[in-house]
């Protein structure tokens, strides 16, 4: 049996969680990791080699590179991994701006044999998978509109490192860091949004990255989406209403390591406007486990071992989602001028 040799660049909370997923598999094995917090080079208790710098990691005998680094170097390391003939899995976001993912795709095009996948983990949550299956079945008709809220209490929560508040490293604030998941899901369910209006604000926490983003968007087919990405949501919240011609799909809560976003549920609404008087029949499913991390790595391994195209979380997904994030930034003229936001439409 082929066993893929894996290296992890960035061995913080997310890197260690990815290692846990791989340790549960028989077809992948972590052989080396790197992180700036290591003191030189050596071996962990399980024999995995560790390095302080990603360049040393890339000299190891690897088949796969997993990138869990800060936004300012994510694209650089992804490109280096592809250049070294490694399959690459990179966490979201793919970089600080749209130019970063464009540069990655240029390198990817030179290595058509290699697989590149991005960690849009929410796509693999059971509630999202079930909602997407129902939508694609057509039983509720076409999407009419969506309303999404994803928010937390601060830009830095649960003792995370403070680089998320620094524009030169992060590239953006709560929208790019957390809200990108909601942006990606709204694209997944509604299609690509063409018209975007927004208000971006950093008036509460006062960093040079946003603590709130409000957007009103419309696709070419007329699907309207309303989005609020917030770092002043004192009770952490994840909520997405998807209203269709014959009902609704309501995603509420999301299972996470912090357990702070409430129970993960999917409410399926069967509408009958002539008879239900605005109080339609609903079926609520509550999910009590989160297999998304394992399922995401399983999909990546399958694409490599069976030489299949990446199905979800492709570089094209990453590009389109990043373009929409930066359309939201660009649509606020004050924000655009203050932070010199380039026009993301130039890459279309």
Protein backbone atom coordinates (compact mmCIF):
# COMPACT_ATOMS: atom_id res chain seq x y z
CA UNK A 1 0.00 0.00 0.00
CA UNK A 2 1.24 3.47 -0.87
CA UNK A 3 1.86 5.62 2.20
CA UNK A 4 2.18 9.34 1.51
CA UNK A 5 4.98 11.06 3.43
CA UNK A 6 3.64 14.36 4.81
CA UNK A 7 5.34 17.51 6.08
CA UNK A 8 3.47 20.23 8.01
CA UNK A 9 4.66 23.83 7.74
CA UNK A 10 3.36 25.63 10.83
CA UNK A 11 2.84 23.45 13.87
CA UNK A 12 0.46 25.50 15.98
CA UNK A 13 -3.13 24.61 16.89
CA UNK A 14 -4.26 23.97 13.29
CA UNK A 15 -1.07 22.16 12.26
CA UNK A 16 -1.36 19.82 15.24
CA UNK A 17 -5.01 19.17 14.46
CA UNK A 18 -4.11 18.26 10.88
CA UNK A 19 -1.47 15.88 12.22
CA UNK A 20 -4.08 14.21 14.43
CA UNK A 21 -6.22 13.58 11.33
CA UNK A 22 -3.29 12.10 9.43
CA UNK A 23 -2.26 9.94 12.40
CA UNK A 24 -5.65 8.23 12.15
CA UNK A 25 -4.96 7.21 8.54
CA UNK A 26 -2.95 4.25 7.26
CA UNK A 27 -2.21 5.80 3.84
CA UNK A 28 -0.52 8.97 5.13
CA UNK A 29 2.25 9.55 7.67
CA UNK A 30 3.65 12.79 9.05
CA UNK A 31 7.44 12.56 8.85
CA UNK A 32 8.47 16.19 9.46
CA UNK A 33 7.12 19.52 10.72
CA UNK A 34 8.43 23.05 11.07
CA UNK A 35 7.59 26.01 13.27
CA UNK A 36 9.39 29.15 14.36
CA UNK A 37 8.85 28.17 18.00
CA UNK A 38 11.18 25.17 17.72
CA UNK A 39 14.73 25.61 18.99
CA UNK A 40 16.73 24.43 15.98
CA UNK A 41 16.25 20.89 14.62
CA UNK A 42 15.47 17.58 16.25
CA UNK A 43 12.83 14.89 16.65
CA UNK A 44 9.52 14.79 18.50
CA UNK A 45 8.72 11.96 20.89
CA UNK A 46 7.07 9.98 18.07
CA UNK A 47 10.13 10.29 15.82
CA UNK A 48 8.77 13.07 13.59
CA UNK A 49 11.60 15.41 12.58
CA UNK A 50 11.18 19.09 13.37
CA UNK A 51 12.76 22.19 11.90
CA UNK A 52 12.57 25.89 12.59
CA UNK A 53 12.34 27.03 8.94
CA UNK A 54 10.16 25.80 6.09
CA UNK A 55 13.14 25.74 3.70
CA UNK A 56 14.72 22.98 5.79
CA UNK A 57 11.40 21.13 5.86
CA UNK A 58 11.21 21.18 2.05
CA UNK A 59 14.57 19.39 1.87
CA UNK A 60 13.00 16.36 3.57
CA UNK A 61 11.73 13.41 1.51
CA UNK A 62 8.06 14.43 1.25
CA UNK A 63 5.12 13.61 -1.01
CA UNK A 64 2.72 16.10 0.57
CA UNK A 65 3.07 19.53 2.17
CA UNK A 66 0.40 20.94 4.49
CA UNK A 67 0.66 24.72 4.94
CA UNK A 68 -0.66 26.15 8.24
CA UNK A 69 1.25 29.45 8.26
CA UNK A 70 0.42 33.13 8.55
CA UNK A 71 -1.19 34.84 5.57
CA UNK A 72 1.93 36.75 4.55
CA UNK A 73 3.90 33.58 3.75
CA UNK A 74 1.13 31.07 2.90
CA UNK A 75 1.35 31.67 -0.86
CA UNK A 76 5.16 31.75 -0.86
CA UNK A 77 5.38 28.35 0.89
CA UNK A 78 2.61 26.85 -1.26
CA UNK A 79 4.49 27.89 -4.40
CA UNK A 80 7.74 26.48 -2.98
CA UNK A 81 6.04 23.16 -2.24
CA UNK A 82 4.64 22.87 -5.75
CA UNK A 83 8.02 23.84 -7.19
CA UNK A 84 9.55 20.99 -5.15
CA UNK A 85 7.06 18.54 -6.73
CA UNK A 86 4.89 18.10 -3.65
CA UNK A 87 1.11 17.90 -3.45
CA UNK A 88 -0.02 20.83 -1.30
CA UNK A 89 -2.89 21.42 1.10
CA UNK A 90 -3.06 25.04 2.31
CA UNK A 91 -5.30 26.45 5.01
CA UNK A 92 -7.54 29.43 4.25
CA UNK A 93 -7.03 32.19 3.34
CA UNK A 94 -4.63 31.45 0.47
CA UNK A 95 -2.70 34.66 1.18
CA UNK A 96 -3.06 38.32 2.03
CA UNK A 97 -4.72 39.34 -1.24
CA UNK A 98 -5.94 38.20 -4.64
CA UNK A 99 -2.47 38.59 -6.18
CA UNK A 100 -1.19 35.85 -3.85
CA UNK A 101 -3.62 33.19 -5.12
CA UNK A 102 -3.07 34.30 -8.73
CA UNK A 103 0.68 33.66 -8.28
CA UNK A 104 -0.04 30.24 -6.79
CA UNK A 105 -2.28 29.28 -9.72
CA UNK A 106 0.46 30.29 -12.16
CA UNK A 107 2.83 27.83 -10.43
CA UNK A 108 0.09 25.18 -10.24
CA UNK A 109 -0.36 25.38 -14.02
CA UNK A 110 3.29 24.34 -14.44
CA UNK A 111 2.70 21.20 -12.37
CA UNK A 112 -0.50 19.61 -13.71
CA UNK A 113 0.31 16.24 -12.09
CA UNK A 114 0.22 17.70 -8.58
CA UNK A 115 -2.88 18.22 -6.42
CA UNK A 116 -3.54 21.55 -4.71
CA UNK A 117 -6.37 21.94 -2.22
CA UNK A 118 -7.44 24.71 0.14
CA UNK A 119 -8.83 24.22 3.64
CA UNK A 120 -12.33 25.66 3.45
CA UNK A 121 -13.25 23.36 6.31
CA UNK A 122 -16.88 24.44 6.70
CA UNK A 123 -17.73 22.79 3.37
CA UNK A 124 -17.15 19.42 5.05
CA UNK A 125 -19.45 19.91 8.05
CA UNK A 126 -22.33 17.44 8.00
CA UNK A 127 -24.98 20.19 8.16
CA UNK A 128 -23.50 21.91 5.11
CA UNK A 129 -23.13 18.63 3.18
CA UNK A 130 -26.78 17.73 3.89
CA UNK A 131 -28.04 21.21 2.98
CA UNK A 132 -26.12 21.17 -0.30
CA UNK A 133 -27.54 17.74 -1.15
CA UNK A 134 -31.10 19.01 -0.60
CA UNK A 135 -30.45 22.14 -2.64
CA UNK A 136 -29.03 20.15 -5.55
CA UNK A 137 -31.95 17.72 -5.47
CA UNK A 138 -34.20 20.58 -6.60
CA UNK A 139 -37.01 19.66 -4.21
CA UNK A 140 -37.14 23.19 -2.78
CA UNK A 141 -36.57 24.97 -6.07
CA UNK A 142 -34.02 27.66 -6.83
CA UNK A 143 -32.30 29.94 -4.33
CA UNK A 144 -33.95 33.35 -3.94
CA UNK A 145 -31.83 34.99 -1.27
CA UNK A 146 -29.47 34.38 1.65
CA UNK A 147 -28.65 36.05 4.95
CA UNK A 148 -25.45 35.15 6.74
CA UNK A 149 -23.94 36.19 10.08
CA UNK A 150 -20.60 34.96 11.38
CA UNK A 151 -19.25 36.74 14.41
CA UNK A 152 -17.06 36.55 17.48
CA UNK A 153 -16.35 38.84 20.42
CA UNK A 154 -12.85 40.04 19.52
CA UNK A 155 -10.35 39.93 16.68
CA UNK A 156 -8.11 37.76 18.85
CA UNK A 157 -9.91 35.05 20.82
CA UNK A 158 -8.81 32.03 22.86
CA UNK A 159 -5.15 33.09 23.20
CA UNK A 160 -4.49 33.16 19.46
CA UNK A 161 -1.36 35.01 18.29
CA UNK A 162 -1.83 38.72 17.62
CA UNK A 163 -0.71 38.72 13.97
CA UNK A 164 -4.38 38.76 12.97
CA UNK A 165 -4.52 42.43 14.00
CA UNK A 166 -1.57 43.45 11.81
CA UNK A 167 -2.41 44.38 8.23
CA UNK A 168 1.10 43.75 6.89
CA UNK A 169 0.87 40.11 8.03
CA UNK A 170 -2.85 39.32 7.87
CA UNK A 171 -3.96 41.45 4.91
CA UNK A 172 -7.40 41.94 6.48
CA UNK A 173 -9.38 41.50 9.67
CA UNK A 174 -12.43 39.50 10.69
CA UNK A 175 -13.80 39.21 7.14
CA UNK A 176 -10.62 37.67 5.71
CA UNK A 177 -9.87 35.57 8.79
CA UNK A 178 -13.27 34.18 9.81
CA UNK A 179 -15.91 35.70 7.52
CA UNK A 180 -14.22 34.10 4.50
CA UNK A 181 -15.91 30.84 5.53
CA UNK A 182 -19.35 32.46 5.23
CA UNK A 183 -18.36 34.15 1.95
CA UNK A 184 -17.28 30.75 0.61
CA UNK A 185 -20.53 29.06 1.69
CA UNK A 186 -22.68 31.79 0.17
CA UNK A 187 -20.83 31.32 -3.11
CA UNK A 188 -21.24 27.54 -2.80
CA UNK A 189 -25.03 27.81 -2.34
CA UNK A 190 -25.81 30.90 -4.40
CA UNK A 191 -23.18 31.24 -7.13
CA UNK A 192 -20.81 34.08 -7.90
CA UNK A 193 -21.88 37.53 -6.76
CA UNK A 194 -21.39 40.27 -9.33
CA UNK A 195 -22.84 43.40 -7.72
CA UNK A 196 -21.48 44.27 -4.27
CA UNK A 197 -22.24 47.13 -1.87
CA UNK A 198 -20.60 47.33 1.53
CA UNK A 199 -19.68 49.18 4.69
CA UNK A 200 -16.38 48.23 6.35
CA UNK A 201 -15.53 49.44 9.85
CA UNK A 202 -12.76 49.30 12.43
CA UNK A 203 -14.34 51.86 14.74
CA UNK A 204 -14.53 49.66 17.87
CA UNK A 205 -11.23 47.81 18.32
CA UNK A 206 -9.22 50.43 16.45
CA UNK A 207 -6.74 48.22 14.61
CA UNK A 208 -5.84 48.87 10.97
CA UNK A 209 -7.94 45.83 9.99
CA UNK A 210 -11.73 45.65 10.05
CA UNK A 211 -13.77 44.49 13.02
CA UNK A 212 -17.06 44.56 11.05
CA UNK A 213 -18.01 44.08 7.41
CA UNK A 214 -21.56 44.51 6.09
CA UNK A 215 -22.31 43.51 2.50
CA UNK A 216 -25.31 43.42 0.17
CA UNK A 217 -24.60 41.35 -2.93
CA UNK A 218 -26.34 40.03 -6.06
CA UNK A 219 -25.47 37.29 -8.53
CA UNK A 220 -25.97 37.50 -12.28
CA UNK A 221 -29.07 35.30 -11.79
CA UNK A 222 -30.55 37.70 -9.27
CA UNK A 223 -29.79 35.81 -6.05
CA UNK A 224 -29.35 38.40 -3.30
CA UNK A 225 -27.06 37.80 -0.33
CA UNK A 226 -26.70 39.81 2.87
CA UNK A 227 -23.60 39.24 4.97
CA UNK A 228 -22.39 40.47 8.36
CA UNK A 229 -18.91 39.45 9.48
CA UNK A 230 -18.23 40.73 12.98
CA UNK A 231 -15.68 40.93 15.78
CA UNK A 232 -18.22 42.65 18.04
CA UNK A 233 -20.66 39.71 18.20
CA UNK A 234 -20.47 39.25 21.96
CA UNK A 235 -22.27 35.93 21.85
CA UNK A 236 -20.43 34.04 19.13
CA UNK A 237 -22.73 33.27 16.24
CA UNK A 238 -22.87 31.33 12.98
CA UNK A 239 -26.15 31.51 11.07
CA UNK A 240 -27.06 31.18 7.38
CA UNK A 241 -30.62 31.44 6.02
CA UNK A 242 -31.01 30.11 2.47
CA UNK A 243 -34.49 30.90 1.13
CA UNK A 244 -35.68 28.98 -1.92
CA UNK A 245 -38.82 28.92 -4.03
CA UNK A 246 -40.54 26.23 -1.93
CA UNK A 247 -38.89 26.51 1.45
CA UNK A 248 -35.72 27.31 3.34
CA UNK A 249 -32.50 25.73 4.53
CA UNK A 250 -31.31 27.25 7.80
CA UNK A 251 -27.82 26.50 9.08
CA UNK A 252 -27.50 27.41 12.74
CA UNK A 253 -24.41 27.03 14.91
CA UNK A 254 -21.22 25.28 13.93
CA UNK A 255 -19.26 22.67 15.86
CA UNK A 256 -15.77 23.95 16.54
CA UNK A 257 -12.85 23.35 18.86
CA UNK A 258 -14.01 26.20 21.10
CA UNK A 259 -17.62 24.95 21.37
CA UNK A 260 -18.66 28.63 21.48
CA UNK A 261 -20.94 28.78 18.43
CA UNK A 262 -23.73 26.63 19.82
CA UNK A 263 -25.26 23.41 18.60
CA UNK A 264 -24.87 22.70 14.88
CA UNK A 265 -28.30 22.34 13.29
CA UNK A 266 -29.97 22.20 9.90
CA UNK A 267 -33.60 23.29 9.72
CA UNK A 268 -35.45 22.26 6.55
CA UNK A 269 -38.57 24.36 5.95
CA UNK A 270 -41.30 23.08 3.61
CA UNK A 271 -43.29 26.15 2.59
CA UNK A 272 -46.93 26.17 1.55
CA UNK A 273 -47.88 29.89 1.42
CA UNK A 274 -51.52 29.17 0.57
CA UNK A 275 -52.10 27.08 3.69
CA UNK A 276 -49.37 27.43 6.34
CA UNK A 277 -50.09 31.10 7.15
CA UNK A 278 -46.41 31.88 7.57
CA UNK A 279 -45.85 29.03 10.02
CA UNK A 280 -44.62 26.18 7.81
CA UNK A 281 -43.61 22.65 8.68
CA UNK A 282 -39.99 22.37 9.81
CA UNK A 283 -37.62 19.49 10.39
CA UNK A 284 -34.60 20.17 12.58
CA UNK A 285 -31.51 17.95 12.60
CA UNK A 286 -28.94 18.45 15.35
CA UNK A 287 -25.40 17.23 14.71
CA UNK A 288 -23.37 15.98 17.67
CA UNK A 289 -19.98 15.34 16.07
CA UNK A 290 -17.61 17.12 13.70
CA UNK A 291 -16.03 14.78 11.13
CA UNK A 292 -15.13 17.69 8.82
CA UNK A 293 -11.40 17.72 9.51
CA UNK A 294 -11.06 13.98 8.81
CA UNK A 295 -13.35 14.14 5.79
CA UNK A 296 -11.39 17.02 4.28
CA UNK A 297 -8.06 15.21 4.58
CA UNK A 298 -9.69 12.02 3.26
CA UNK A 299 -10.86 13.89 0.15
CA UNK A 300 -7.35 15.28 -0.40
CA UNK A 301 -5.73 11.86 0.04
CA UNK A 302 -8.23 10.30 -2.36
CA UNK A 303 -7.44 12.86 -5.06
CA UNK A 304 -3.72 12.07 -4.75
CA UNK A 305 -3.82 8.30 -4.39
CA UNK A 306 -6.39 7.78 -7.13
CA UNK A 307 -5.21 10.66 -9.34
CA UNK A 308 -8.60 12.35 -9.26
CA UNK A 309 -9.29 16.09 -9.58
CA UNK A 310 -9.83 17.95 -6.33
CA UNK A 311 -13.61 18.33 -6.05
CA UNK A 312 -14.07 20.98 -3.37
CA UNK A 313 -11.60 23.57 -2.15
CA UNK A 314 -9.82 23.92 -5.47
CA UNK A 315 -7.54 26.82 -6.35
CA UNK A 316 -10.42 28.17 -8.46
CA UNK A 317 -12.67 28.08 -5.37
CA UNK A 318 -9.96 29.93 -3.44
CA UNK A 319 -9.58 32.52 -6.20
CA UNK A 320 -13.33 33.22 -6.52
CA UNK A 321 -13.82 33.44 -2.77
CA UNK A 322 -10.83 35.77 -2.35
CA UNK A 323 -12.10 37.94 -5.19
CA UNK A 324 -15.47 38.27 -3.46
CA UNK A 325 -13.83 39.13 -0.13
CA UNK A 326 -11.88 41.90 -1.82
CA UNK A 327 -14.92 43.07 -3.80
CA UNK A 328 -16.52 43.64 -0.39
CA UNK A 329 -13.49 45.64 0.77
CA UNK A 330 -13.31 47.57 -2.52
CA UNK A 331 -17.00 48.46 -2.56
CA UNK A 332 -16.59 50.76 0.45
CA UNK A 333 -14.95 53.80 -1.13
CA UNK A 334 -13.63 55.16 2.18
CA UNK A 335 -12.04 51.83 3.08
CA UNK A 336 -10.67 51.43 -0.45
CA UNK A 337 -8.96 54.81 -0.36
CA UNK A 338 -7.69 54.57 3.21
CA UNK A 339 -6.03 51.20 2.68
CA UNK A 340 -5.34 51.40 -1.05
CA UNK A 341 -7.41 48.31 -1.90
CA UNK A 342 -6.79 47.26 -5.52
CA UNK A 343 -9.69 46.43 -7.83
CA UNK A 344 -10.16 42.63 -7.63
CA UNK A 345 -12.07 42.69 -10.94
CA UNK A 346 -8.74 43.13 -12.73
CA UNK A 347 -8.10 39.40 -12.22
CA UNK A 348 -11.35 38.24 -13.83
